[in-house]
Amino acid sequence: MGLNLAKTKSFYDVTEETFKYFAKRMGVPEKLVTNTMHNVIADVQANWPALLKTLPLSETMKSTLIKHWQRLALPISIENI
């Protein structure tokens, strides 16, 4: 990640606490930011398994995406792939 997100440049270090810190620094309600984060995670989990099967991605790209998701500190797990 080229820019800092609440003190980190590593996408793999971003946690819910990172988003809470970000919300505080930006002066927006923490609940708004964390609810949005949880909604995005739920959308990813609901939609990516089917997308991985239907998008014209190479097996290498699919494997790379799955490995990326597994390294994230956020609770994103893509089941049924």
PDB file of N, CA and C in Angstrom:
ATOM      1  N   MET A   1       0.857  -1.159   0.000  1.00  0.00           N
ATOM      2  CA  MET A   1       0.000   0.000   0.000  1.00  0.00           C
ATOM      3  C   MET A   1       0.909   1.228   0.000  1.00  0.00           C
ATOM      4  N   GLY A   2       0.704   2.151  -0.906  1.00  0.00           N
ATOM      5  CA  GLY A   2       1.562   3.315  -1.026  1.00  0.00           C
ATOM      6  C   GLY A   2       1.308   4.395   0.012  1.00  0.00           C
ATOM      7  N   LEU A   3       0.109   4.453   0.538  1.00  0.00           N
ATOM      8  CA  LEU A   3      -0.255   5.482   1.508  1.00  0.00           C
ATOM      9  C   LEU A   3      -0.412   4.873   2.892  1.00  0.00           C
ATOM     10  N   ASN A   4      -0.247   5.709   3.905  1.00  0.00           N
ATOM     11  CA  ASN A   4      -0.499   5.260   5.268  1.00  0.00           C
ATOM     12  C   ASN A   4      -2.003   5.163   5.500  1.00  0.00           C
ATOM     13  N   LEU A   5      -2.404   4.132   6.208  1.00  0.00           N
ATOM     14  CA  LEU A   5      -3.780   4.024   6.692  1.00  0.00           C
ATOM     15  C   LEU A   5      -3.673   3.901   8.197  1.00  0.00           C
ATOM     16  N   ALA A   6      -3.870   5.012   8.862  1.00  0.00           N
ATOM     17  CA  ALA A   6      -3.815   5.029  10.323  1.00  0.00           C
ATOM     18  C   ALA A   6      -2.524   4.396  10.844  1.00  0.00           C
ATOM     19  N   LYS A   7      -1.413   4.929  10.413  1.00  0.00           N
ATOM     20  CA  LYS A   7      -0.072   4.583  10.889  1.00  0.00           C
ATOM     21  C   LYS A   7       0.564   3.365  10.233  1.00  0.00           C
ATOM     22  N   THR A   8      -0.053   2.753   9.265  1.00  0.00           N
ATOM     23  CA  THR A   8       0.579   1.589   8.640  1.00  0.00           C
ATOM     24  C   THR A   8       0.551   1.698   7.124  1.00  0.00           C
ATOM     25  N   LYS A   9       1.598   1.207   6.508  1.00  0.00           N
ATOM     26  CA  LYS A   9       1.646   1.120   5.048  1.00  0.00           C
ATOM     27  C   LYS A   9       1.415  -0.317   4.600  1.00  0.00           C
ATOM     28  N   SER A  10       1.407  -1.242   5.541  1.00  0.00           N
ATOM     29  CA  SER A  10       1.230  -2.649   5.211  1.00  0.00           C
ATOM     30  C   SER A  10      -0.238  -3.036   5.302  1.00  0.00           C
ATOM     31  N   PHE A  11      -0.778  -3.457   4.182  1.00  0.00           N
ATOM     32  CA  PHE A  11      -2.172  -3.884   4.137  1.00  0.00           C
ATOM     33  C   PHE A  11      -2.411  -5.050   5.092  1.00  0.00           C
ATOM     34  N   TYR A  12      -1.379  -5.843   5.334  1.00  0.00           N
ATOM     35  CA  TYR A  12      -1.512  -7.022   6.183  1.00  0.00           C
ATOM     36  C   TYR A  12      -1.532  -6.688   7.670  1.00  0.00           C
ATOM     37  N   ASP A  13      -1.249  -5.454   8.026  1.00  0.00           N
ATOM     38  CA  ASP A  13      -1.297  -5.028   9.422  1.00  0.00           C
ATOM     39  C   ASP A  13      -2.605  -4.328   9.775  1.00  0.00           C
ATOM     40  N   VAL A  14      -3.478  -4.121   8.811  1.00  0.00           N
ATOM     41  CA  VAL A  14      -4.735  -3.409   9.047  1.00  0.00           C
ATOM     42  C   VAL A  14      -5.701  -4.320   9.798  1.00  0.00           C
ATOM     43  N   THR A  15      -6.175  -3.810  10.946  1.00  0.00           N
ATOM     44  CA  THR A  15      -7.122  -4.540  11.791  1.00  0.00           C
ATOM     45  C   THR A  15      -8.340  -3.661  12.046  1.00  0.00           C
ATOM     46  N   GLU A  16      -9.282  -4.178  12.786  1.00  0.00           N
ATOM     47  CA  GLU A  16     -10.432  -3.364  13.173  1.00  0.00           C
ATOM     48  C   GLU A  16      -9.972  -2.174  14.009  1.00  0.00           C
ATOM     49  N   GLU A  17      -8.959  -2.389  14.819  1.00  0.00           N
ATOM     50  CA  GLU A  17      -8.408  -1.285  15.621  1.00  0.00           C
ATOM     51  C   GLU A  17      -7.861  -0.171  14.724  1.00  0.00           C
ATOM     52  N   THR A  18      -7.293  -0.539  13.586  1.00  0.00           N
ATOM     53  CA  THR A  18      -6.799   0.445  12.623  1.00  0.00           C
ATOM     54  C   THR A  18      -7.944   1.328  12.159  1.00  0.00           C
ATOM     55  N   PHE A  19      -9.076   0.714  11.859  1.00  0.00           N
ATOM     56  CA  PHE A  19     -10.237   1.475  11.405  1.00  0.00           C
ATOM     57  C   PHE A  19     -10.816   2.350  12.509  1.00  0.00           C
ATOM     58  N   LYS A  20     -10.781   1.865  13.738  1.00  0.00           N
ATOM     59  CA  LYS A  20     -11.249   2.677  14.868  1.00  0.00           C
ATOM     60  C   LYS A  20     -10.358   3.905  15.049  1.00  0.00           C
ATOM     61  N   TYR A  21      -9.062   3.706  14.950  1.00  0.00           N
ATOM     62  CA  TYR A  21      -8.108   4.814  15.046  1.00  0.00           C
ATOM     63  C   TYR A  21      -8.352   5.815  13.911  1.00  0.00           C
ATOM     64  N   PHE A  22      -8.532   5.288  12.716  1.00  0.00           N
ATOM     65  CA  PHE A  22      -8.813   6.115  11.538  1.00  0.00           C
ATOM     66  C   PHE A  22     -10.073   6.955  11.761  1.00  0.00           C
ATOM     67  N   ALA A  23     -11.122   6.348  12.274  1.00  0.00           N
ATOM     68  CA  ALA A  23     -12.373   7.063  12.535  1.00  0.00           C
ATOM     69  C   ALA A  23     -12.154   8.197  13.535  1.00  0.00           C
ATOM     70  N   LYS A  24     -11.425   7.909  14.586  1.00  0.00           N
ATOM     71  CA  LYS A  24     -11.142   8.922  15.606  1.00  0.00           C
ATOM     72  C   LYS A  24     -10.374  10.094  15.011  1.00  0.00           C
ATOM     73  N   ARG A  25      -9.338   9.782  14.226  1.00  0.00           N
ATOM     74  CA  ARG A  25      -8.522  10.834  13.608  1.00  0.00           C
ATOM     75  C   ARG A  25      -9.320  11.684  12.629  1.00  0.00           C
ATOM     76  N   MET A  26     -10.273  11.053  11.945  1.00  0.00           N
ATOM     77  CA  MET A  26     -11.072  11.766  10.944  1.00  0.00           C
ATOM     78  C   MET A  26     -12.294  12.461  11.564  1.00  0.00           C
ATOM     79  N   GLY A  27     -12.581  12.159  12.832  1.00  0.00           N
ATOM     80  CA  GLY A  27     -13.703  12.784  13.505  1.00  0.00           C
ATOM     81  C   GLY A  27     -15.059  12.253  13.044  1.00  0.00           C
ATOM     82  N   VAL A  28     -15.078  10.994  12.648  1.00  0.00           N
ATOM     83  CA  VAL A  28     -16.352  10.375  12.249  1.00  0.00           C
ATOM     84  C   VAL A  28     -16.691   9.283  13.264  1.00  0.00           C
ATOM     85  N   PRO A  29     -17.966   8.951  13.369  1.00  0.00           N
ATOM     86  CA  PRO A  29     -18.348   7.939  14.353  1.00  0.00           C
ATOM     87  C   PRO A  29     -17.670   6.586  14.104  1.00  0.00           C
ATOM     88  N   GLU A  30     -17.072   6.057  15.149  1.00  0.00           N
ATOM     89  CA  GLU A  30     -16.389   4.772  15.059  1.00  0.00           C
ATOM     90  C   GLU A  30     -17.334   3.681  14.558  1.00  0.00           C
ATOM     91  N   LYS A  31     -18.555   3.698  15.052  1.00  0.00           N
ATOM     92  CA  LYS A  31     -19.534   2.670  14.680  1.00  0.00           C
ATOM     93  C   LYS A  31     -19.824   2.711  13.177  1.00  0.00           C
ATOM     94  N   LEU A  32     -19.878   3.898  12.602  1.00  0.00           N
ATOM     95  CA  LEU A  32     -20.105   4.024  11.157  1.00  0.00           C
ATOM     96  C   LEU A  32     -18.982   3.338  10.386  1.00  0.00           C
ATOM     97  N   VAL A  33     -17.758   3.585  10.798  1.00  0.00           N
ATOM     98  CA  VAL A  33     -16.597   3.022  10.102  1.00  0.00           C
ATOM     99  C   VAL A  33     -16.534   1.511  10.303  1.00  0.00           C
ATOM    100  N   THR A  34     -16.704   1.042  11.530  1.00  0.00           N
ATOM    101  CA  THR A  34     -16.602  -0.400  11.767  1.00  0.00           C
ATOM    102  C   THR A  34     -17.781  -1.156  11.149  1.00  0.00           C
ATOM    103  N   ASN A  35     -18.973  -0.566  11.177  1.00  0.00           N
ATOM    104  CA  ASN A  35     -20.117  -1.220  10.516  1.00  0.00           C
ATOM    105  C   ASN A  35     -19.869  -1.338   9.016  1.00  0.00           C
ATOM    106  N   THR A  36     -19.332  -0.290   8.422  1.00  0.00           N
ATOM    107  CA  THR A  36     -19.014  -0.328   6.989  1.00  0.00           C
ATOM    108  C   THR A  36     -17.974  -1.394   6.710  1.00  0.00           C
ATOM    109  N   MET A  37     -16.944  -1.481   7.549  1.00  0.00           N
ATOM    110  CA  MET A  37     -15.909  -2.494   7.394  1.00  0.00           C
ATOM    111  C   MET A  37     -16.519  -3.895   7.450  1.00  0.00           C
ATOM    112  N   HIS A  38     -17.381  -4.131   8.438  1.00  0.00           N
ATOM    113  CA  HIS A  38     -18.016  -5.444   8.575  1.00  0.00           C
ATOM    114  C   HIS A  38     -18.933  -5.751   7.387  1.00  0.00           C
ATOM    115  N   ASN A  39     -19.626  -4.748   6.874  1.00  0.00           N
ATOM    116  CA  ASN A  39     -20.490  -4.945   5.706  1.00  0.00           C
ATOM    117  C   ASN A  39     -19.666  -5.312   4.470  1.00  0.00           C
ATOM    118  N   VAL A  40     -18.538  -4.644   4.302  1.00  0.00           N
ATOM    119  CA  VAL A  40     -17.671  -4.949   3.160  1.00  0.00           C
ATOM    120  C   VAL A  40     -17.121  -6.377   3.282  1.00  0.00           C
ATOM    121  N   ILE A  41     -16.690  -6.752   4.479  1.00  0.00           N
ATOM    122  CA  ILE A  41     -16.193  -8.112   4.699  1.00  0.00           C
ATOM    123  C   ILE A  41     -17.288  -9.131   4.381  1.00  0.00           C
ATOM    124  N   ALA A  42     -18.509  -8.867   4.831  1.00  0.00           N
ATOM    125  CA  ALA A  42     -19.624  -9.783   4.553  1.00  0.00           C
ATOM    126  C   ALA A  42     -19.885  -9.879   3.048  1.00  0.00           C
ATOM    127  N   ASP A  43     -19.819  -8.753   2.347  1.00  0.00           N
ATOM    128  CA  ASP A  43     -20.008  -8.765   0.889  1.00  0.00           C
ATOM    129  C   ASP A  43     -18.915  -9.568   0.196  1.00  0.00           C
ATOM    130  N   VAL A  44     -17.674  -9.389   0.640  1.00  0.00           N
ATOM    131  CA  VAL A  44     -16.557 -10.144   0.061  1.00  0.00           C
ATOM    132  C   VAL A  44     -16.788 -11.637   0.267  1.00  0.00           C
ATOM    133  N   GLN A  45     -17.137 -12.010   1.484  1.00  0.00           N
ATOM    134  CA  GLN A  45     -17.343 -13.425   1.779  1.00  0.00           C
ATOM    135  C   GLN A  45     -18.528 -14.008   1.014  1.00  0.00           C
ATOM    136  N   ALA A  46     -19.551 -13.206   0.789  1.00  0.00           N
ATOM    137  CA  ALA A  46     -20.742 -13.692   0.090  1.00  0.00           C
ATOM    138  C   ALA A  46     -20.534 -13.792  -1.418  1.00  0.00           C
ATOM    139  N   ASN A  47     -19.732 -12.909  -1.985  1.00  0.00           N
ATOM    140  CA  ASN A  47     -19.662 -12.812  -3.440  1.00  0.00           C
ATOM    141  C   ASN A  47     -18.416 -13.397  -4.096  1.00  0.00           C
ATOM    142  N   TRP A  48     -17.272 -13.355  -3.415  1.00  0.00           N
ATOM    143  CA  TRP A  48     -16.045 -13.787  -4.076  1.00  0.00           C
ATOM    144  C   TRP A  48     -15.988 -15.269  -4.438  1.00  0.00           C
ATOM    145  N   PRO A  49     -16.536 -16.173  -3.635  1.00  0.00           N
ATOM    146  CA  PRO A  49     -16.462 -17.579  -4.054  1.00  0.00           C
ATOM    147  C   PRO A  49     -17.065 -17.803  -5.449  1.00  0.00           C
ATOM    148  N   ALA A  50     -18.224 -17.233  -5.721  1.00  0.00           N
ATOM    149  CA  ALA A  50     -18.847 -17.379  -7.042  1.00  0.00           C
ATOM    150  C   ALA A  50     -18.049 -16.625  -8.100  1.00  0.00           C
ATOM    151  N   LEU A  51     -17.550 -15.459  -7.751  1.00  0.00           N
ATOM    152  CA  LEU A  51     -16.774 -14.680  -8.713  1.00  0.00           C
ATOM    153  C   LEU A  51     -15.494 -15.400  -9.113  1.00  0.00           C
ATOM    154  N   LEU A  52     -14.853 -16.045  -8.161  1.00  0.00           N
ATOM    155  CA  LEU A  52     -13.627 -16.780  -8.487  1.00  0.00           C
ATOM    156  C   LEU A  52     -13.895 -17.907  -9.484  1.00  0.00           C
ATOM    157  N   LYS A  53     -15.107 -18.440  -9.448  1.00  0.00           N
ATOM    158  CA  LYS A  53     -15.458 -19.522 -10.371  1.00  0.00           C
ATOM    159  C   LYS A  53     -15.857 -19.009 -11.748  1.00  0.00           C
ATOM    160  N   THR A  54     -16.359 -17.762 -11.815  1.00  0.00           N
ATOM    161  CA  THR A  54     -16.905 -17.265 -13.081  1.00  0.00           C
ATOM    162  C   THR A  54     -16.054 -16.210 -13.776  1.00  0.00           C
ATOM    163  N   LEU A  55     -15.240 -15.476 -13.051  1.00  0.00           N
ATOM    164  CA  LEU A  55     -14.405 -14.450 -13.683  1.00  0.00           C
ATOM    165  C   LEU A  55     -13.300 -15.099 -14.506  1.00  0.00           C
ATOM    166  N   PRO A  56     -12.922 -14.455 -15.590  1.00  0.00           N
ATOM    167  CA  PRO A  56     -11.861 -15.014 -16.429  1.00  0.00           C
ATOM    168  C   PRO A  56     -10.468 -14.756 -15.843  1.00  0.00           C
ATOM    169  N   LEU A  57     -10.210 -15.388 -14.708  1.00  0.00           N
ATOM    170  CA  LEU A  57      -8.917 -15.249 -14.037  1.00  0.00           C
ATOM    171  C   LEU A  57      -8.141 -16.546 -14.181  1.00  0.00           C
ATOM    172  N   SER A  58      -6.836 -16.417 -14.321  1.00  0.00           N
ATOM    173  CA  SER A  58      -5.998 -17.609 -14.378  1.00  0.00           C
ATOM    174  C   SER A  58      -5.998 -18.286 -13.004  1.00  0.00           C
ATOM    175  N   GLU A  59      -5.635 -19.546 -12.995  1.00  0.00           N
ATOM    176  CA  GLU A  59      -5.538 -20.270 -11.724  1.00  0.00           C
ATOM    177  C   GLU A  59      -4.475 -19.631 -10.830  1.00  0.00           C
ATOM    178  N   THR A  60      -3.441 -19.103 -11.438  1.00  0.00           N
ATOM    179  CA  THR A  60      -2.392 -18.417 -10.669  1.00  0.00           C
ATOM    180  C   THR A  60      -2.963 -17.187  -9.972  1.00  0.00           C
ATOM    181  N   MET A  61      -3.770 -16.401 -10.686  1.00  0.00           N
ATOM    182  CA  MET A  61      -4.369 -15.209 -10.090  1.00  0.00           C
ATOM    183  C   MET A  61      -5.342 -15.591  -8.977  1.00  0.00           C
ATOM    184  N   LYS A  62      -6.139 -16.620  -9.196  1.00  0.00           N
ATOM    185  CA  LYS A  62      -7.069 -17.076  -8.153  1.00  0.00           C
ATOM    186  C   LYS A  62      -6.309 -17.505  -6.903  1.00  0.00           C
ATOM    187  N   SER A  63      -5.241 -18.260  -7.104  1.00  0.00           N
ATOM    188  CA  SER A  63      -4.428 -18.716  -5.984  1.00  0.00           C
ATOM    189  C   SER A  63      -3.792 -17.539  -5.251  1.00  0.00           C
ATOM    190  N   THR A  64      -3.336 -16.556  -6.007  1.00  0.00           N
ATOM    191  CA  THR A  64      -2.732 -15.354  -5.414  1.00  0.00           C
ATOM    192  C   THR A  64      -3.751 -14.603  -4.566  1.00  0.00           C
ATOM    193  N   LEU A  65      -4.973 -14.454  -5.056  1.00  0.00           N
ATOM    194  CA  LEU A  65      -6.025 -13.777  -4.290  1.00  0.00           C
ATOM    195  C   LEU A  65      -6.330 -14.522  -2.995  1.00  0.00           C
ATOM    196  N   ILE A  66      -6.464 -15.830  -3.076  1.00  0.00           N
ATOM    197  CA  ILE A  66      -6.760 -16.627  -1.882  1.00  0.00           C
ATOM    198  C   ILE A  66      -5.636 -16.498  -0.855  1.00  0.00           C
ATOM    199  N   LYS A  67      -4.393 -16.571  -1.301  1.00  0.00           N
ATOM    200  CA  LYS A  67      -3.254 -16.413  -0.386  1.00  0.00           C
ATOM    201  C   LYS A  67      -3.239 -15.021   0.238  1.00  0.00           C
ATOM    202  N   HIS A  68      -3.582 -14.007  -0.557  1.00  0.00           N
ATOM    203  CA  HIS A  68      -3.656 -12.634  -0.054  1.00  0.00           C
ATOM    204  C   HIS A  68      -4.690 -12.540   1.064  1.00  0.00           C
ATOM    205  N   TRP A  69      -5.876 -13.077   0.824  1.00  0.00           N
ATOM    206  CA  TRP A  69      -6.940 -13.008   1.834  1.00  0.00           C
ATOM    207  C   TRP A  69      -6.536 -13.736   3.108  1.00  0.00           C
ATOM    208  N   GLN A  70      -5.814 -14.836   2.978  1.00  0.00           N
ATOM    209  CA  GLN A  70      -5.388 -15.597   4.150  1.00  0.00           C
ATOM    210  C   GLN A  70      -4.370 -14.839   4.989  1.00  0.00           C
ATOM    211  N   ARG A  71      -3.637 -13.930   4.393  1.00  0.00           N
ATOM    212  CA  ARG A  71      -2.611 -13.164   5.115  1.00  0.00           C
ATOM    213  C   ARG A  71      -3.173 -11.935   5.830  1.00  0.00           C
ATOM    214  N   LEU A  72      -4.387 -11.529   5.495  1.00  0.00           N
ATOM    215  CA  LEU A  72      -4.957 -10.323   6.078  1.00  0.00           C
ATOM    216  C   LEU A  72      -5.212 -10.486   7.568  1.00  0.00           C
ATOM    217  N   ALA A  73      -5.011  -9.408   8.312  1.00  0.00           N
ATOM    218  CA  ALA A  73      -5.304  -9.418   9.745  1.00  0.00           C
ATOM    219  C   ALA A  73      -6.807  -9.307   9.975  1.00  0.00           C
ATOM    220  N   LEU A  74      -7.528  -8.719   9.016  1.00  0.00           N
ATOM    221  CA  LEU A  74      -8.979  -8.626   9.145  1.00  0.00           C
ATOM    222  C   LEU A  74      -9.587 -10.013   8.979  1.00  0.00           C
ATOM    223  N   PRO A  75     -10.739 -10.240   9.593  1.00  0.00           N
ATOM    224  CA  PRO A  75     -11.334 -11.584   9.559  1.00  0.00           C
ATOM    225  C   PRO A  75     -12.043 -11.884   8.228  1.00  0.00           C
ATOM    226  N   ILE A  76     -11.279 -11.966   7.151  1.00  0.00           N
ATOM    227  CA  ILE A  76     -11.859 -12.296   5.849  1.00  0.00           C
ATOM    228  C   ILE A  76     -11.461 -13.723   5.524  1.00  0.00           C
ATOM    229  N   SER A  77     -12.450 -14.589   5.500  1.00  0.00           N
ATOM    230  CA  SER A  77     -12.179 -15.957   5.059  1.00  0.00           C
ATOM    231  C   SER A  77     -13.157 -16.263   3.933  1.00  0.00           C
ATOM    232  N   ILE A  78     -12.640 -16.773   2.871  1.00  0.00           N
ATOM    233  CA  ILE A  78     -13.465 -17.097   1.723  1.00  0.00           C
ATOM    234  C   ILE A  78     -13.655 -18.611   1.744  1.00  0.00           C
ATOM    235  N   GLU A  79     -14.849 -19.023   2.051  1.00  0.00           N
ATOM    236  CA  GLU A  79     -15.163 -20.450   2.153  1.00  0.00           C
ATOM    237  C   GLU A  79     -15.760 -20.962   0.848  1.00  0.00           C
ATOM    238  N   ASN A  80     -15.781 -22.256   0.718  1.00  0.00           N
ATOM    239  CA  ASN A  80     -16.429 -22.935  -0.407  1.00  0.00           C
ATOM    240  C   ASN A  80     -15.851 -22.549  -1.759  1.00  0.00           C
ATOM    241  N   ILE A  81     -14.559 -22.465  -1.825  1.00  0.00           N
ATOM    242  CA  ILE A  81     -13.930 -22.144  -3.111  1.00  0.00           C
ATOM    243  C   ILE A  81     -13.488 -23.434  -3.763  1.00  0.00           C
TER     244      ILE A  81
END
